[in-house]
N, C-alpha and C. Protein backbone atom coordinates (compact mmCIF):
# COMPACT_ATOMS: atom_id res chain seq x y z
N LYS A 1 3.17 9.02 -78.45
CA LYS A 1 2.99 7.94 -77.48
C LYS A 1 1.65 7.25 -77.67
N GLU A 2 0.67 7.96 -78.20
CA GLU A 2 -0.64 7.36 -78.42
C GLU A 2 -0.65 6.47 -79.66
N ASN A 3 0.35 6.57 -80.52
CA ASN A 3 0.33 5.88 -81.80
C ASN A 3 1.49 4.94 -82.04
N THR A 4 2.37 4.79 -81.05
CA THR A 4 3.53 3.92 -81.27
C THR A 4 4.03 3.35 -79.95
N ASN A 5 4.66 2.19 -80.06
CA ASN A 5 5.30 1.58 -78.90
C ASN A 5 6.79 1.87 -78.83
N VAL A 6 7.28 2.65 -79.80
CA VAL A 6 8.68 3.02 -79.82
C VAL A 6 8.98 3.94 -78.63
N PRO A 7 10.03 3.68 -77.86
CA PRO A 7 10.37 4.55 -76.72
C PRO A 7 10.60 5.99 -77.18
N VAL A 8 10.07 6.91 -76.42
CA VAL A 8 10.23 8.34 -76.73
C VAL A 8 11.17 8.96 -75.71
N ILE A 9 12.25 9.57 -76.21
CA ILE A 9 13.24 10.22 -75.34
C ILE A 9 13.31 11.69 -75.70
N GLY A 10 13.04 12.56 -74.74
CA GLY A 10 13.05 13.99 -74.99
C GLY A 10 14.37 14.61 -74.59
N LYS A 11 14.94 15.44 -75.46
CA LYS A 11 16.19 16.13 -75.14
C LYS A 11 15.87 17.52 -74.63
N LEU A 12 16.38 17.85 -73.46
CA LEU A 12 16.02 19.07 -72.75
C LEU A 12 16.92 20.23 -73.15
N THR A 13 16.33 21.35 -73.47
CA THR A 13 17.13 22.53 -73.78
C THR A 13 17.45 23.30 -72.50
N PRO A 14 18.69 23.75 -72.34
CA PRO A 14 19.03 24.59 -71.19
C PRO A 14 18.94 26.08 -71.56
N HIS A 15 18.61 26.36 -72.82
CA HIS A 15 18.67 27.73 -73.31
C HIS A 15 17.39 28.49 -72.97
N GLY A 16 17.50 29.40 -72.03
CA GLY A 16 16.36 30.23 -71.66
C GLY A 16 15.22 29.44 -71.04
N ALA A 17 15.53 28.26 -70.48
CA ALA A 17 14.48 27.43 -69.90
C ALA A 17 15.02 26.72 -68.67
N ASN A 18 14.12 26.14 -67.92
CA ASN A 18 14.48 25.35 -66.75
C ASN A 18 14.35 23.88 -67.14
N PRO A 19 15.47 23.19 -67.41
CA PRO A 19 15.39 21.79 -67.85
C PRO A 19 14.63 20.88 -66.89
N LEU A 20 14.67 21.18 -65.60
CA LEU A 20 13.94 20.35 -64.63
C LEU A 20 12.44 20.45 -64.88
N GLU A 21 11.94 21.67 -65.09
CA GLU A 21 10.51 21.83 -65.34
C GLU A 21 10.12 21.20 -66.68
N LEU A 22 11.00 21.32 -67.67
CA LEU A 22 10.73 20.69 -68.96
C LEU A 22 10.69 19.17 -68.81
N ALA A 23 11.57 18.62 -67.98
CA ALA A 23 11.59 17.18 -67.75
C ALA A 23 10.27 16.73 -67.13
N LYS A 24 9.76 17.50 -66.19
CA LYS A 24 8.49 17.16 -65.55
C LYS A 24 7.36 17.12 -66.58
N VAL A 25 7.35 18.11 -67.47
CA VAL A 25 6.31 18.17 -68.50
C VAL A 25 6.43 16.98 -69.45
N MET A 26 7.67 16.68 -69.87
CA MET A 26 7.88 15.56 -70.79
C MET A 26 7.43 14.24 -70.18
N VAL A 27 7.79 14.01 -68.93
CA VAL A 27 7.44 12.76 -68.26
C VAL A 27 5.93 12.66 -68.08
N LYS A 28 5.31 13.77 -67.70
CA LYS A 28 3.85 13.79 -67.55
C LYS A 28 3.16 13.50 -68.87
N SER A 29 3.80 13.90 -69.98
CA SER A 29 3.23 13.69 -71.31
C SER A 29 3.53 12.30 -71.86
N GLY A 30 4.33 11.52 -71.12
CA GLY A 30 4.57 10.15 -71.53
C GLY A 30 5.96 9.80 -71.99
N ALA A 31 6.90 10.73 -71.92
CA ALA A 31 8.27 10.43 -72.35
C ALA A 31 8.85 9.31 -71.49
N ASP A 32 9.58 8.40 -72.13
CA ASP A 32 10.17 7.26 -71.42
C ASP A 32 11.49 7.62 -70.74
N ALA A 33 12.18 8.62 -71.25
CA ALA A 33 13.47 9.04 -70.70
C ALA A 33 13.74 10.46 -71.19
N VAL A 34 14.72 11.11 -70.56
CA VAL A 34 15.10 12.45 -70.98
C VAL A 34 16.61 12.55 -71.11
N VAL A 35 17.06 13.49 -71.94
CA VAL A 35 18.48 13.75 -72.13
C VAL A 35 18.79 15.12 -71.55
N SER A 36 19.77 15.17 -70.68
CA SER A 36 20.16 16.41 -70.03
C SER A 36 21.64 16.69 -70.31
N THR A 37 21.93 17.64 -71.17
CA THR A 37 21.05 18.61 -71.82
C THR A 37 21.52 18.82 -73.27
N ALA A 38 20.70 19.57 -74.02
CA ALA A 38 21.08 19.94 -75.38
C ALA A 38 22.05 21.12 -75.34
N ARG A 39 22.43 21.61 -76.52
CA ARG A 39 23.37 22.72 -76.60
C ARG A 39 22.68 24.06 -76.36
N PHE A 40 23.50 25.08 -76.19
CA PHE A 40 22.99 26.44 -76.11
C PHE A 40 22.96 27.05 -77.52
N GLN A 41 22.03 27.95 -77.74
CA GLN A 41 21.98 28.64 -79.01
C GLN A 41 22.91 29.84 -78.97
N GLY A 42 23.69 30.00 -80.03
CA GLY A 42 24.65 31.10 -80.05
C GLY A 42 24.79 31.71 -81.43
N LEU A 43 25.57 32.77 -81.49
CA LEU A 43 25.78 33.50 -82.73
C LEU A 43 27.22 34.00 -82.77
N ILE A 44 27.91 33.75 -83.88
CA ILE A 44 29.26 34.26 -84.08
C ILE A 44 29.27 35.15 -85.32
N ILE A 45 29.82 36.35 -85.18
CA ILE A 45 29.87 37.30 -86.28
C ILE A 45 31.30 37.40 -86.81
N ASP A 46 31.47 37.25 -88.10
CA ASP A 46 32.75 37.44 -88.75
C ASP A 46 32.97 38.95 -88.88
N ILE A 47 34.01 39.47 -88.24
CA ILE A 47 34.18 40.94 -88.23
C ILE A 47 34.70 41.48 -89.56
N ASP A 48 35.16 40.60 -90.46
CA ASP A 48 35.58 41.06 -91.78
C ASP A 48 34.40 41.18 -92.73
N THR A 49 33.55 40.14 -92.75
CA THR A 49 32.37 40.20 -93.62
C THR A 49 31.21 40.89 -92.93
N MET A 50 31.32 41.02 -91.59
CA MET A 50 30.26 41.62 -90.78
C MET A 50 28.94 40.87 -90.91
N LYS A 51 29.07 39.54 -91.07
CA LYS A 51 27.91 38.66 -91.18
C LYS A 51 28.11 37.45 -90.28
N PRO A 52 27.04 36.73 -89.97
CA PRO A 52 27.20 35.48 -89.21
C PRO A 52 28.07 34.51 -89.99
N VAL A 53 28.86 33.72 -89.27
CA VAL A 53 29.76 32.77 -89.92
C VAL A 53 29.00 31.60 -90.52
N GLU A 54 29.61 30.98 -91.52
CA GLU A 54 29.17 29.73 -92.13
C GLU A 54 27.72 29.72 -92.56
N TRP A 55 26.83 29.19 -91.73
CA TRP A 55 25.44 28.95 -92.14
C TRP A 55 24.60 30.22 -92.18
N GLY A 56 25.10 31.30 -91.62
CA GLY A 56 24.42 32.58 -91.74
C GLY A 56 23.40 32.91 -90.67
N GLY A 57 23.33 32.12 -89.62
CA GLY A 57 22.35 32.41 -88.58
C GLY A 57 22.76 31.85 -87.23
N LEU A 58 21.77 31.62 -86.38
CA LEU A 58 22.03 31.08 -85.05
C LEU A 58 22.36 29.60 -85.13
N GLY A 59 23.17 29.13 -84.21
CA GLY A 59 23.54 27.72 -84.20
C GLY A 59 23.66 27.20 -82.78
N GLY A 60 23.79 25.88 -82.66
CA GLY A 60 23.96 25.27 -81.35
C GLY A 60 25.42 25.20 -80.97
N TYR A 61 25.74 25.63 -79.76
CA TYR A 61 27.13 25.64 -79.29
C TYR A 61 27.25 24.84 -78.00
N GLY A 62 28.09 23.82 -78.05
CA GLY A 62 28.33 23.00 -76.87
C GLY A 62 29.81 22.69 -76.77
N GLY A 63 30.15 21.66 -76.04
CA GLY A 63 31.54 21.30 -75.87
C GLY A 63 31.90 21.14 -74.40
N PRO A 64 33.17 20.85 -74.10
CA PRO A 64 33.59 20.59 -72.72
C PRO A 64 33.25 21.70 -71.73
N TRP A 65 33.18 22.95 -72.20
CA TRP A 65 32.87 24.06 -71.29
C TRP A 65 31.49 23.89 -70.65
N GLN A 66 30.61 23.12 -71.30
CA GLN A 66 29.23 22.99 -70.83
C GLN A 66 29.07 21.93 -69.74
N LEU A 67 30.11 21.14 -69.49
CA LEU A 67 30.00 20.00 -68.57
C LEU A 67 29.43 20.36 -67.19
N PRO A 68 29.94 21.38 -66.49
CA PRO A 68 29.40 21.68 -65.16
C PRO A 68 27.91 22.02 -65.18
N ILE A 69 27.46 22.70 -66.23
CA ILE A 69 26.05 23.07 -66.34
C ILE A 69 25.20 21.82 -66.55
N SER A 70 25.64 20.95 -67.45
CA SER A 70 24.89 19.73 -67.74
C SER A 70 24.86 18.79 -66.54
N LEU A 71 25.98 18.69 -65.84
CA LEU A 71 26.01 17.85 -64.64
C LEU A 71 25.04 18.37 -63.59
N ALA A 72 24.98 19.68 -63.43
CA ALA A 72 24.09 20.27 -62.42
C ALA A 72 22.63 19.95 -62.73
N TRP A 73 22.23 20.10 -64.00
CA TRP A 73 20.84 19.82 -64.35
C TRP A 73 20.54 18.33 -64.26
N THR A 74 21.50 17.50 -64.62
CA THR A 74 21.30 16.05 -64.50
C THR A 74 21.08 15.69 -63.05
N TYR A 75 21.88 16.25 -62.17
CA TYR A 75 21.72 16.03 -60.73
C TYR A 75 20.33 16.45 -60.26
N GLU A 76 19.89 17.64 -60.68
CA GLU A 76 18.59 18.14 -60.25
C GLU A 76 17.45 17.24 -60.73
N ILE A 77 17.54 16.78 -61.98
CA ILE A 77 16.48 15.95 -62.53
C ILE A 77 16.44 14.58 -61.86
N VAL A 78 17.59 13.96 -61.69
CA VAL A 78 17.65 12.65 -61.03
C VAL A 78 17.15 12.74 -59.60
N ARG A 79 17.54 13.80 -58.92
CA ARG A 79 17.13 13.97 -57.52
C ARG A 79 15.62 14.17 -57.39
N THR A 80 15.03 14.91 -58.34
CA THR A 80 13.61 15.22 -58.28
C THR A 80 12.74 14.12 -58.90
N LEU A 81 13.25 13.49 -59.97
CA LEU A 81 12.49 12.45 -60.66
C LEU A 81 13.33 11.16 -60.70
N PRO A 82 13.56 10.53 -59.56
CA PRO A 82 14.48 9.40 -59.49
C PRO A 82 14.05 8.19 -60.31
N GLU A 83 12.76 8.10 -60.64
CA GLU A 83 12.29 6.95 -61.39
C GLU A 83 12.46 7.11 -62.90
N VAL A 84 12.86 8.32 -63.34
CA VAL A 84 12.97 8.61 -64.77
C VAL A 84 14.41 8.38 -65.25
N PRO A 85 14.62 7.56 -66.28
CA PRO A 85 15.97 7.39 -66.83
C PRO A 85 16.47 8.71 -67.43
N VAL A 86 17.65 9.13 -67.03
CA VAL A 86 18.25 10.36 -67.54
C VAL A 86 19.54 10.03 -68.26
N ILE A 87 19.67 10.55 -69.48
CA ILE A 87 20.88 10.37 -70.27
C ILE A 87 21.69 11.66 -70.18
N GLY A 88 22.90 11.57 -69.68
CA GLY A 88 23.74 12.76 -69.51
C GLY A 88 24.37 13.18 -70.82
N SER A 89 24.30 14.47 -71.11
CA SER A 89 24.85 14.98 -72.36
C SER A 89 25.25 16.44 -72.17
N GLY A 90 26.28 16.85 -72.90
CA GLY A 90 26.71 18.24 -72.82
C GLY A 90 28.07 18.38 -72.19
N GLY A 91 29.14 18.17 -72.99
CA GLY A 91 30.48 18.38 -72.48
C GLY A 91 31.27 17.12 -72.22
N VAL A 92 30.74 15.95 -72.55
CA VAL A 92 31.48 14.71 -72.30
C VAL A 92 32.67 14.61 -73.25
N SER A 93 33.87 14.63 -72.70
CA SER A 93 35.08 14.56 -73.54
C SER A 93 36.07 13.50 -73.07
N SER A 94 35.71 12.74 -72.03
CA SER A 94 36.61 11.70 -71.53
C SER A 94 35.80 10.65 -70.78
N GLY A 95 36.47 9.55 -70.48
CA GLY A 95 35.83 8.53 -69.67
C GLY A 95 35.53 9.01 -68.27
N TYR A 96 36.33 9.94 -67.81
CA TYR A 96 36.11 10.51 -66.48
C TYR A 96 34.83 11.35 -66.45
N ASP A 97 34.52 12.00 -67.58
CA ASP A 97 33.27 12.75 -67.66
C ASP A 97 32.07 11.81 -67.67
N ILE A 98 32.23 10.65 -68.32
CA ILE A 98 31.17 9.65 -68.28
C ILE A 98 30.92 9.23 -66.83
N ALA A 99 32.01 9.00 -66.09
CA ALA A 99 31.90 8.61 -64.68
C ALA A 99 31.19 9.70 -63.88
N ARG A 100 31.49 10.96 -64.19
CA ARG A 100 30.87 12.06 -63.46
C ARG A 100 29.35 12.06 -63.65
N PHE A 101 28.90 11.83 -64.87
CA PHE A 101 27.45 11.80 -65.12
C PHE A 101 26.80 10.61 -64.40
N ILE A 102 27.46 9.47 -64.42
CA ILE A 102 26.91 8.30 -63.74
C ILE A 102 26.87 8.53 -62.23
N LEU A 103 27.86 9.21 -61.71
CA LEU A 103 27.92 9.49 -60.27
C LEU A 103 26.75 10.36 -59.81
N VAL A 104 26.19 11.17 -60.72
CA VAL A 104 25.02 11.97 -60.35
C VAL A 104 23.73 11.30 -60.84
N GLY A 105 23.82 10.03 -61.23
CA GLY A 105 22.62 9.26 -61.49
C GLY A 105 22.25 9.00 -62.92
N ALA A 106 23.04 9.45 -63.90
CA ALA A 106 22.69 9.22 -65.30
C ALA A 106 22.72 7.73 -65.62
N ARG A 107 21.79 7.30 -66.50
CA ARG A 107 21.74 5.89 -66.92
C ARG A 107 22.64 5.64 -68.12
N ALA A 108 22.92 6.69 -68.87
CA ALA A 108 23.79 6.59 -70.05
C ALA A 108 24.31 7.99 -70.34
N THR A 109 25.21 8.13 -71.32
CA THR A 109 25.73 9.43 -71.69
C THR A 109 25.77 9.56 -73.21
N GLN A 110 25.84 10.81 -73.67
CA GLN A 110 26.00 11.12 -75.08
C GLN A 110 27.22 12.02 -75.25
N SER A 111 27.87 11.91 -76.39
CA SER A 111 28.98 12.80 -76.71
C SER A 111 28.95 13.09 -78.20
N CYS A 112 29.09 14.35 -78.56
CA CYS A 112 29.06 14.75 -79.96
C CYS A 112 30.33 15.49 -80.37
N THR A 113 30.66 16.56 -79.66
CA THR A 113 31.79 17.40 -80.04
C THR A 113 33.11 16.62 -80.06
N THR A 114 33.35 15.80 -79.04
CA THR A 114 34.61 15.09 -78.95
C THR A 114 34.82 14.10 -80.11
N PRO A 115 33.84 13.26 -80.46
CA PRO A 115 34.03 12.41 -81.65
C PRO A 115 34.15 13.21 -82.94
N MET A 116 33.48 14.36 -83.01
CA MET A 116 33.62 15.20 -84.20
C MET A 116 35.06 15.69 -84.35
N LEU A 117 35.69 16.03 -83.24
CA LEU A 117 37.04 16.58 -83.27
C LEU A 117 38.11 15.50 -83.44
N HIS A 118 37.88 14.33 -82.85
CA HIS A 118 38.93 13.31 -82.80
C HIS A 118 38.60 12.02 -83.56
N GLY A 119 37.39 11.92 -84.10
CA GLY A 119 37.00 10.70 -84.78
C GLY A 119 36.46 9.66 -83.81
N TYR A 120 35.85 8.62 -84.37
CA TYR A 120 35.21 7.62 -83.52
C TYR A 120 36.19 6.82 -82.68
N LYS A 121 37.46 6.85 -83.03
CA LYS A 121 38.46 6.13 -82.23
C LYS A 121 38.50 6.64 -80.80
N ILE A 122 38.07 7.88 -80.59
CA ILE A 122 38.10 8.46 -79.25
C ILE A 122 37.12 7.76 -78.32
N VAL A 123 36.09 7.13 -78.89
CA VAL A 123 35.09 6.45 -78.06
C VAL A 123 35.74 5.31 -77.29
N ARG A 124 36.58 4.53 -77.97
CA ARG A 124 37.27 3.43 -77.29
C ARG A 124 38.21 3.96 -76.22
N ILE A 125 38.87 5.06 -76.50
CA ILE A 125 39.76 5.68 -75.51
C ILE A 125 38.97 6.10 -74.28
N MET A 126 37.82 6.71 -74.50
CA MET A 126 36.97 7.15 -73.39
C MET A 126 36.48 5.96 -72.57
N LEU A 127 36.09 4.89 -73.24
CA LEU A 127 35.63 3.70 -72.53
C LEU A 127 36.77 3.06 -71.73
N ASN A 128 37.97 3.08 -72.29
CA ASN A 128 39.13 2.56 -71.56
C ASN A 128 39.42 3.41 -70.32
N GLU A 129 39.26 4.71 -70.45
CA GLU A 129 39.45 5.60 -69.29
C GLU A 129 38.43 5.28 -68.20
N LEU A 130 37.18 5.07 -68.62
CA LEU A 130 36.13 4.73 -67.65
C LEU A 130 36.45 3.42 -66.96
N THR A 131 36.88 2.42 -67.73
CA THR A 131 37.22 1.12 -67.16
C THR A 131 38.38 1.23 -66.18
N ARG A 132 39.39 2.01 -66.57
CA ARG A 132 40.55 2.18 -65.69
C ARG A 132 40.15 2.87 -64.39
N TRP A 133 39.30 3.89 -64.50
CA TRP A 133 38.83 4.60 -63.31
C TRP A 133 38.07 3.66 -62.39
N MET A 134 37.21 2.82 -62.97
CA MET A 134 36.44 1.87 -62.17
C MET A 134 37.35 0.90 -61.44
N MET A 135 38.37 0.41 -62.13
CA MET A 135 39.30 -0.53 -61.50
C MET A 135 40.06 0.14 -60.36
N GLU A 136 40.47 1.39 -60.58
CA GLU A 136 41.21 2.12 -59.55
C GLU A 136 40.38 2.33 -58.29
N HIS A 137 39.05 2.41 -58.47
CA HIS A 137 38.17 2.66 -57.33
C HIS A 137 37.44 1.41 -56.86
N GLY A 138 37.81 0.27 -57.42
CA GLY A 138 37.26 -0.99 -56.94
C GLY A 138 35.85 -1.31 -57.40
N PHE A 139 35.42 -0.72 -58.52
CA PHE A 139 34.08 -0.98 -59.03
C PHE A 139 34.14 -2.01 -60.16
N ALA A 140 33.30 -3.04 -60.07
CA ALA A 140 33.23 -4.04 -61.13
C ALA A 140 32.06 -3.78 -62.07
N ARG A 141 31.04 -3.08 -61.56
CA ARG A 141 29.84 -2.80 -62.35
C ARG A 141 29.46 -1.33 -62.19
N ILE A 142 28.87 -0.77 -63.24
CA ILE A 142 28.47 0.64 -63.21
C ILE A 142 27.44 0.91 -62.12
N GLU A 143 26.55 -0.06 -61.89
CA GLU A 143 25.51 0.15 -60.88
C GLU A 143 26.09 0.36 -59.49
N GLU A 144 27.33 -0.06 -59.29
CA GLU A 144 27.94 0.06 -57.97
C GLU A 144 28.24 1.51 -57.60
N PHE A 145 28.37 2.39 -58.61
CA PHE A 145 28.66 3.78 -58.27
C PHE A 145 27.65 4.77 -58.85
N ARG A 146 26.61 4.25 -59.48
CA ARG A 146 25.61 5.16 -60.03
C ARG A 146 24.93 5.96 -58.90
N GLY A 147 24.97 7.28 -59.02
CA GLY A 147 24.31 8.15 -58.06
C GLY A 147 25.04 8.37 -56.75
N LEU A 148 26.25 7.85 -56.61
CA LEU A 148 26.96 7.95 -55.32
C LEU A 148 27.26 9.39 -54.91
N ALA A 149 27.41 10.28 -55.89
CA ALA A 149 27.77 11.67 -55.56
C ALA A 149 26.59 12.50 -55.10
N ILE A 150 25.39 12.04 -55.35
CA ILE A 150 24.19 12.85 -55.08
C ILE A 150 24.12 13.27 -53.61
N LYS A 151 24.36 12.34 -52.71
CA LYS A 151 24.23 12.64 -51.28
C LYS A 151 25.30 13.60 -50.78
N HIS A 152 26.34 13.81 -51.57
CA HIS A 152 27.43 14.70 -51.14
C HIS A 152 27.29 16.13 -51.67
N VAL A 153 26.28 16.38 -52.50
CA VAL A 153 26.08 17.73 -53.04
C VAL A 153 25.31 18.55 -52.02
N LEU A 154 25.96 19.57 -51.49
CA LEU A 154 25.35 20.40 -50.45
C LEU A 154 24.48 21.49 -51.06
N PRO A 155 23.34 21.79 -50.44
CA PRO A 155 22.54 22.94 -50.89
C PRO A 155 23.29 24.23 -50.58
N LEU A 156 22.93 25.28 -51.28
CA LEU A 156 23.65 26.55 -51.17
C LEU A 156 23.76 27.04 -49.73
N GLU A 157 22.67 26.89 -48.98
CA GLU A 157 22.66 27.43 -47.61
C GLU A 157 23.56 26.63 -46.66
N GLU A 158 24.02 25.45 -47.08
CA GLU A 158 24.87 24.65 -46.21
C GLU A 158 26.34 24.68 -46.60
N LEU A 159 26.68 25.44 -47.64
CA LEU A 159 28.07 25.51 -48.07
C LEU A 159 28.94 26.13 -46.97
N ASN A 160 30.13 25.57 -46.82
CA ASN A 160 31.07 26.04 -45.81
C ASN A 160 31.83 27.25 -46.35
N ARG A 161 31.58 28.41 -45.79
CA ARG A 161 32.21 29.64 -46.28
C ARG A 161 33.50 29.98 -45.53
N VAL A 162 33.87 29.11 -44.58
CA VAL A 162 35.09 29.35 -43.82
C VAL A 162 36.30 29.08 -44.71
N LYS A 163 37.31 29.94 -44.61
CA LYS A 163 38.52 29.77 -45.41
C LYS A 163 39.16 28.42 -45.09
N LYS A 164 39.32 27.58 -46.14
CA LYS A 164 39.81 26.23 -45.94
C LYS A 164 41.30 26.09 -46.25
N TYR A 165 41.81 26.93 -47.17
CA TYR A 165 43.20 26.80 -47.59
C TYR A 165 43.96 28.10 -47.42
N VAL A 166 45.25 27.97 -47.26
CA VAL A 166 46.16 29.11 -47.33
C VAL A 166 47.18 28.77 -48.41
N TYR A 167 47.69 29.80 -49.08
CA TYR A 167 48.57 29.59 -50.22
C TYR A 167 49.91 30.28 -50.01
N SER A 168 50.94 29.69 -50.60
CA SER A 168 52.27 30.28 -50.55
C SER A 168 53.00 29.92 -51.86
N ILE A 169 54.18 30.49 -52.05
CA ILE A 169 54.92 30.29 -53.28
C ILE A 169 56.15 29.41 -53.04
N ASP A 170 56.32 28.41 -53.88
CA ASP A 170 57.51 27.57 -53.85
C ASP A 170 58.58 28.30 -54.66
N THR A 171 59.52 28.93 -53.99
CA THR A 171 60.53 29.74 -54.67
C THR A 171 61.43 28.91 -55.59
N ALA A 172 61.54 27.62 -55.32
CA ALA A 172 62.37 26.76 -56.17
C ALA A 172 61.74 26.55 -57.54
N LYS A 173 60.42 26.63 -57.62
CA LYS A 173 59.71 26.42 -58.88
C LYS A 173 59.32 27.74 -59.55
N CYS A 174 59.15 28.78 -58.75
CA CYS A 174 58.66 30.06 -59.27
C CYS A 174 59.68 30.70 -60.22
N THR A 175 59.19 31.18 -61.38
CA THR A 175 60.06 31.83 -62.37
C THR A 175 59.85 33.35 -62.39
N LEU A 176 59.03 33.84 -61.47
CA LEU A 176 58.71 35.28 -61.40
C LEU A 176 57.97 35.76 -62.65
N CYS A 177 57.21 34.86 -63.28
CA CYS A 177 56.50 35.25 -64.50
C CYS A 177 55.42 36.29 -64.22
N GLY A 178 54.87 36.30 -63.01
CA GLY A 178 53.90 37.31 -62.64
C GLY A 178 52.46 37.03 -63.05
N ILE A 179 52.20 35.85 -63.60
CA ILE A 179 50.83 35.53 -64.00
C ILE A 179 49.89 35.56 -62.80
N CYS A 180 50.32 35.04 -61.70
CA CYS A 180 49.47 35.02 -60.50
C CYS A 180 49.17 36.43 -59.99
N ILE A 181 50.16 37.31 -60.12
CA ILE A 181 49.95 38.71 -59.68
C ILE A 181 48.88 39.38 -60.52
N SER A 182 48.96 39.19 -61.83
CA SER A 182 47.98 39.81 -62.73
C SER A 182 46.59 39.24 -62.55
N ALA A 183 46.52 37.94 -62.23
CA ALA A 183 45.22 37.28 -62.15
C ALA A 183 44.50 37.49 -60.83
N CYS A 184 45.23 37.70 -59.76
CA CYS A 184 44.60 37.78 -58.43
C CYS A 184 43.62 38.94 -58.35
N PRO A 185 42.33 38.66 -58.12
CA PRO A 185 41.33 39.73 -58.06
C PRO A 185 41.34 40.49 -56.74
N TYR A 186 42.11 40.00 -55.77
CA TYR A 186 42.12 40.63 -54.45
C TYR A 186 43.38 41.44 -54.18
N GLY A 187 44.32 41.43 -55.14
CA GLY A 187 45.56 42.16 -54.92
C GLY A 187 46.38 41.58 -53.79
N ALA A 188 46.26 40.26 -53.59
CA ALA A 188 46.93 39.62 -52.46
C ALA A 188 48.32 39.10 -52.80
N ILE A 189 48.71 39.20 -54.08
CA ILE A 189 50.00 38.66 -54.51
C ILE A 189 50.87 39.79 -55.05
N ALA A 190 52.10 39.83 -54.62
CA ALA A 190 53.00 40.91 -55.06
C ALA A 190 54.43 40.39 -55.14
N ARG A 191 55.21 41.07 -55.97
CA ARG A 191 56.63 40.75 -56.05
C ARG A 191 57.36 41.57 -55.00
N VAL A 192 58.09 40.88 -54.16
CA VAL A 192 58.87 41.53 -53.11
C VAL A 192 60.33 41.16 -53.31
N GLY A 193 61.10 42.12 -53.84
CA GLY A 193 62.49 41.84 -54.17
C GLY A 193 62.58 40.82 -55.29
N ASN A 194 63.26 39.72 -55.04
CA ASN A 194 63.43 38.68 -56.07
C ASN A 194 62.53 37.47 -55.81
N ARG A 195 61.40 37.72 -55.16
CA ARG A 195 60.46 36.64 -54.90
C ARG A 195 59.03 37.17 -54.93
N ILE A 196 58.09 36.25 -55.10
CA ILE A 196 56.67 36.59 -55.08
C ILE A 196 56.07 36.06 -53.79
N GLU A 197 55.26 36.90 -53.15
CA GLU A 197 54.66 36.53 -51.87
C GLU A 197 53.15 36.70 -51.93
N ILE A 198 52.45 35.86 -51.15
CA ILE A 198 50.99 35.93 -51.04
C ILE A 198 50.64 36.39 -49.64
N ASP A 199 49.86 37.45 -49.56
CA ASP A 199 49.40 37.98 -48.27
C ASP A 199 48.09 37.29 -47.93
N ASN A 200 48.13 36.29 -47.05
CA ASN A 200 46.93 35.52 -46.73
C ASN A 200 45.94 36.29 -45.87
N ALA A 201 46.33 37.46 -45.41
CA ALA A 201 45.38 38.31 -44.69
C ALA A 201 44.41 38.96 -45.69
N ILE A 202 44.87 39.11 -46.92
CA ILE A 202 44.04 39.69 -47.97
C ILE A 202 43.42 38.60 -48.84
N CYS A 203 44.16 37.51 -49.03
CA CYS A 203 43.72 36.40 -49.88
C CYS A 203 42.35 35.89 -49.46
N ASP A 204 41.49 35.64 -50.45
CA ASP A 204 40.14 35.13 -50.17
C ASP A 204 40.07 33.62 -50.34
N SER A 205 41.21 32.98 -50.60
CA SER A 205 41.29 31.52 -50.73
C SER A 205 40.50 30.99 -51.92
N CYS A 206 40.44 31.78 -53.02
CA CYS A 206 39.68 31.33 -54.20
C CYS A 206 40.42 30.25 -54.97
N GLY A 207 41.76 30.20 -54.86
CA GLY A 207 42.52 29.16 -55.52
C GLY A 207 42.87 29.43 -56.97
N LEU A 208 42.58 30.64 -57.45
CA LEU A 208 42.85 30.95 -58.86
C LEU A 208 44.34 30.85 -59.17
N CYS A 209 45.17 31.39 -58.31
CA CYS A 209 46.62 31.35 -58.55
C CYS A 209 47.11 29.91 -58.60
N TYR A 210 46.60 29.08 -57.74
CA TYR A 210 46.98 27.67 -57.68
C TYR A 210 46.59 26.96 -58.98
N SER A 211 45.44 27.33 -59.53
CA SER A 211 44.92 26.68 -60.73
C SER A 211 45.67 27.07 -61.99
N ILE A 212 46.09 28.33 -62.08
CA ILE A 212 46.64 28.81 -63.34
C ILE A 212 48.15 28.86 -63.41
N CYS A 213 48.85 28.68 -62.31
CA CYS A 213 50.32 28.76 -62.35
C CYS A 213 50.88 27.70 -63.30
N PRO A 214 51.58 28.11 -64.35
CA PRO A 214 52.09 27.13 -65.33
C PRO A 214 53.27 26.31 -64.81
N TYR A 215 53.81 26.67 -63.65
CA TYR A 215 54.98 25.98 -63.13
C TYR A 215 54.68 25.23 -61.82
N ASP A 216 53.41 25.15 -61.46
CA ASP A 216 53.02 24.47 -60.20
C ASP A 216 53.81 25.01 -59.01
N ALA A 217 53.98 26.32 -59.00
CA ALA A 217 54.80 26.94 -57.95
C ALA A 217 53.98 27.42 -56.77
N VAL A 218 52.65 27.31 -56.86
CA VAL A 218 51.80 27.75 -55.76
C VAL A 218 51.49 26.55 -54.87
N ILE A 219 51.78 26.68 -53.61
CA ILE A 219 51.54 25.61 -52.64
C ILE A 219 50.19 25.85 -51.96
N LYS A 220 49.36 24.81 -51.96
CA LYS A 220 48.06 24.90 -51.27
C LYS A 220 48.13 24.08 -50.00
N ARG A 221 47.82 24.71 -48.88
CA ARG A 221 47.87 24.01 -47.61
C ARG A 221 46.55 24.19 -46.88
N GLU A 222 45.99 23.08 -46.45
CA GLU A 222 44.77 23.16 -45.65
C GLU A 222 45.08 23.85 -44.34
N VAL A 223 44.09 24.51 -43.82
CA VAL A 223 44.29 25.24 -42.58
C VAL A 223 44.79 24.28 -41.50
N SER A 224 44.43 23.00 -41.63
CA SER A 224 44.87 21.98 -40.65
C SER A 224 46.34 21.64 -40.82
N GLY A 225 46.93 22.01 -41.99
CA GLY A 225 48.36 21.81 -42.18
C GLY A 225 48.76 20.94 -43.34
N LYS A 226 47.80 20.23 -43.95
CA LYS A 226 48.11 19.34 -45.07
C LYS A 226 48.42 20.16 -46.31
N THR A 227 49.48 19.80 -47.06
CA THR A 227 49.88 20.57 -48.24
C THR A 227 49.70 19.76 -49.51
N SER A 228 49.63 20.53 -50.65
CA SER A 228 49.56 19.89 -51.96
C SER A 228 50.13 20.83 -52.99
């Protein structure tokens, strides 16, 4: 920064560090913007050769699985350093993911894994998804929804721990595959005769069965009575 007028953008590592604190240091040192976040460092061992795969050492691992982590850090940085441009990165695989980063205040986004897997043509598809989403929600400009989600993110101490949903099985769709029974960590689902039932007295309302049922046979109903 002392020797050039070229904008300096620092990419924040989430690996073994606090990206928010790193962002503060970068900005204090003169960075013009920050990218939240880089990949995690990982290691994969080939069990046949008993050696690290490909390059022979540690590598960066990212992809769609990283999206919730990157969104969380982007939110924290934007909330704490609102004057600093933040570029969202880490898990962007669709136009909807771009919208998610903008909703928590990102000024731009980056994507690497998705274009690597699908080619650059995926960029136009992602932009079309973003445009379609904006039209569906009545937005003509990105600035109209930038940061809108920030005010809705509750701190941990304010989270509502009251059971919000109750679950049941749609017998017309259920094939008795038993996936929900095996997955339920509370033992709240069992096969009773020729049907599967959920004991809501035991159920913790985690929604795992609803999420993983391959036949959409789990009915989710709000305690108020609304179903989905």
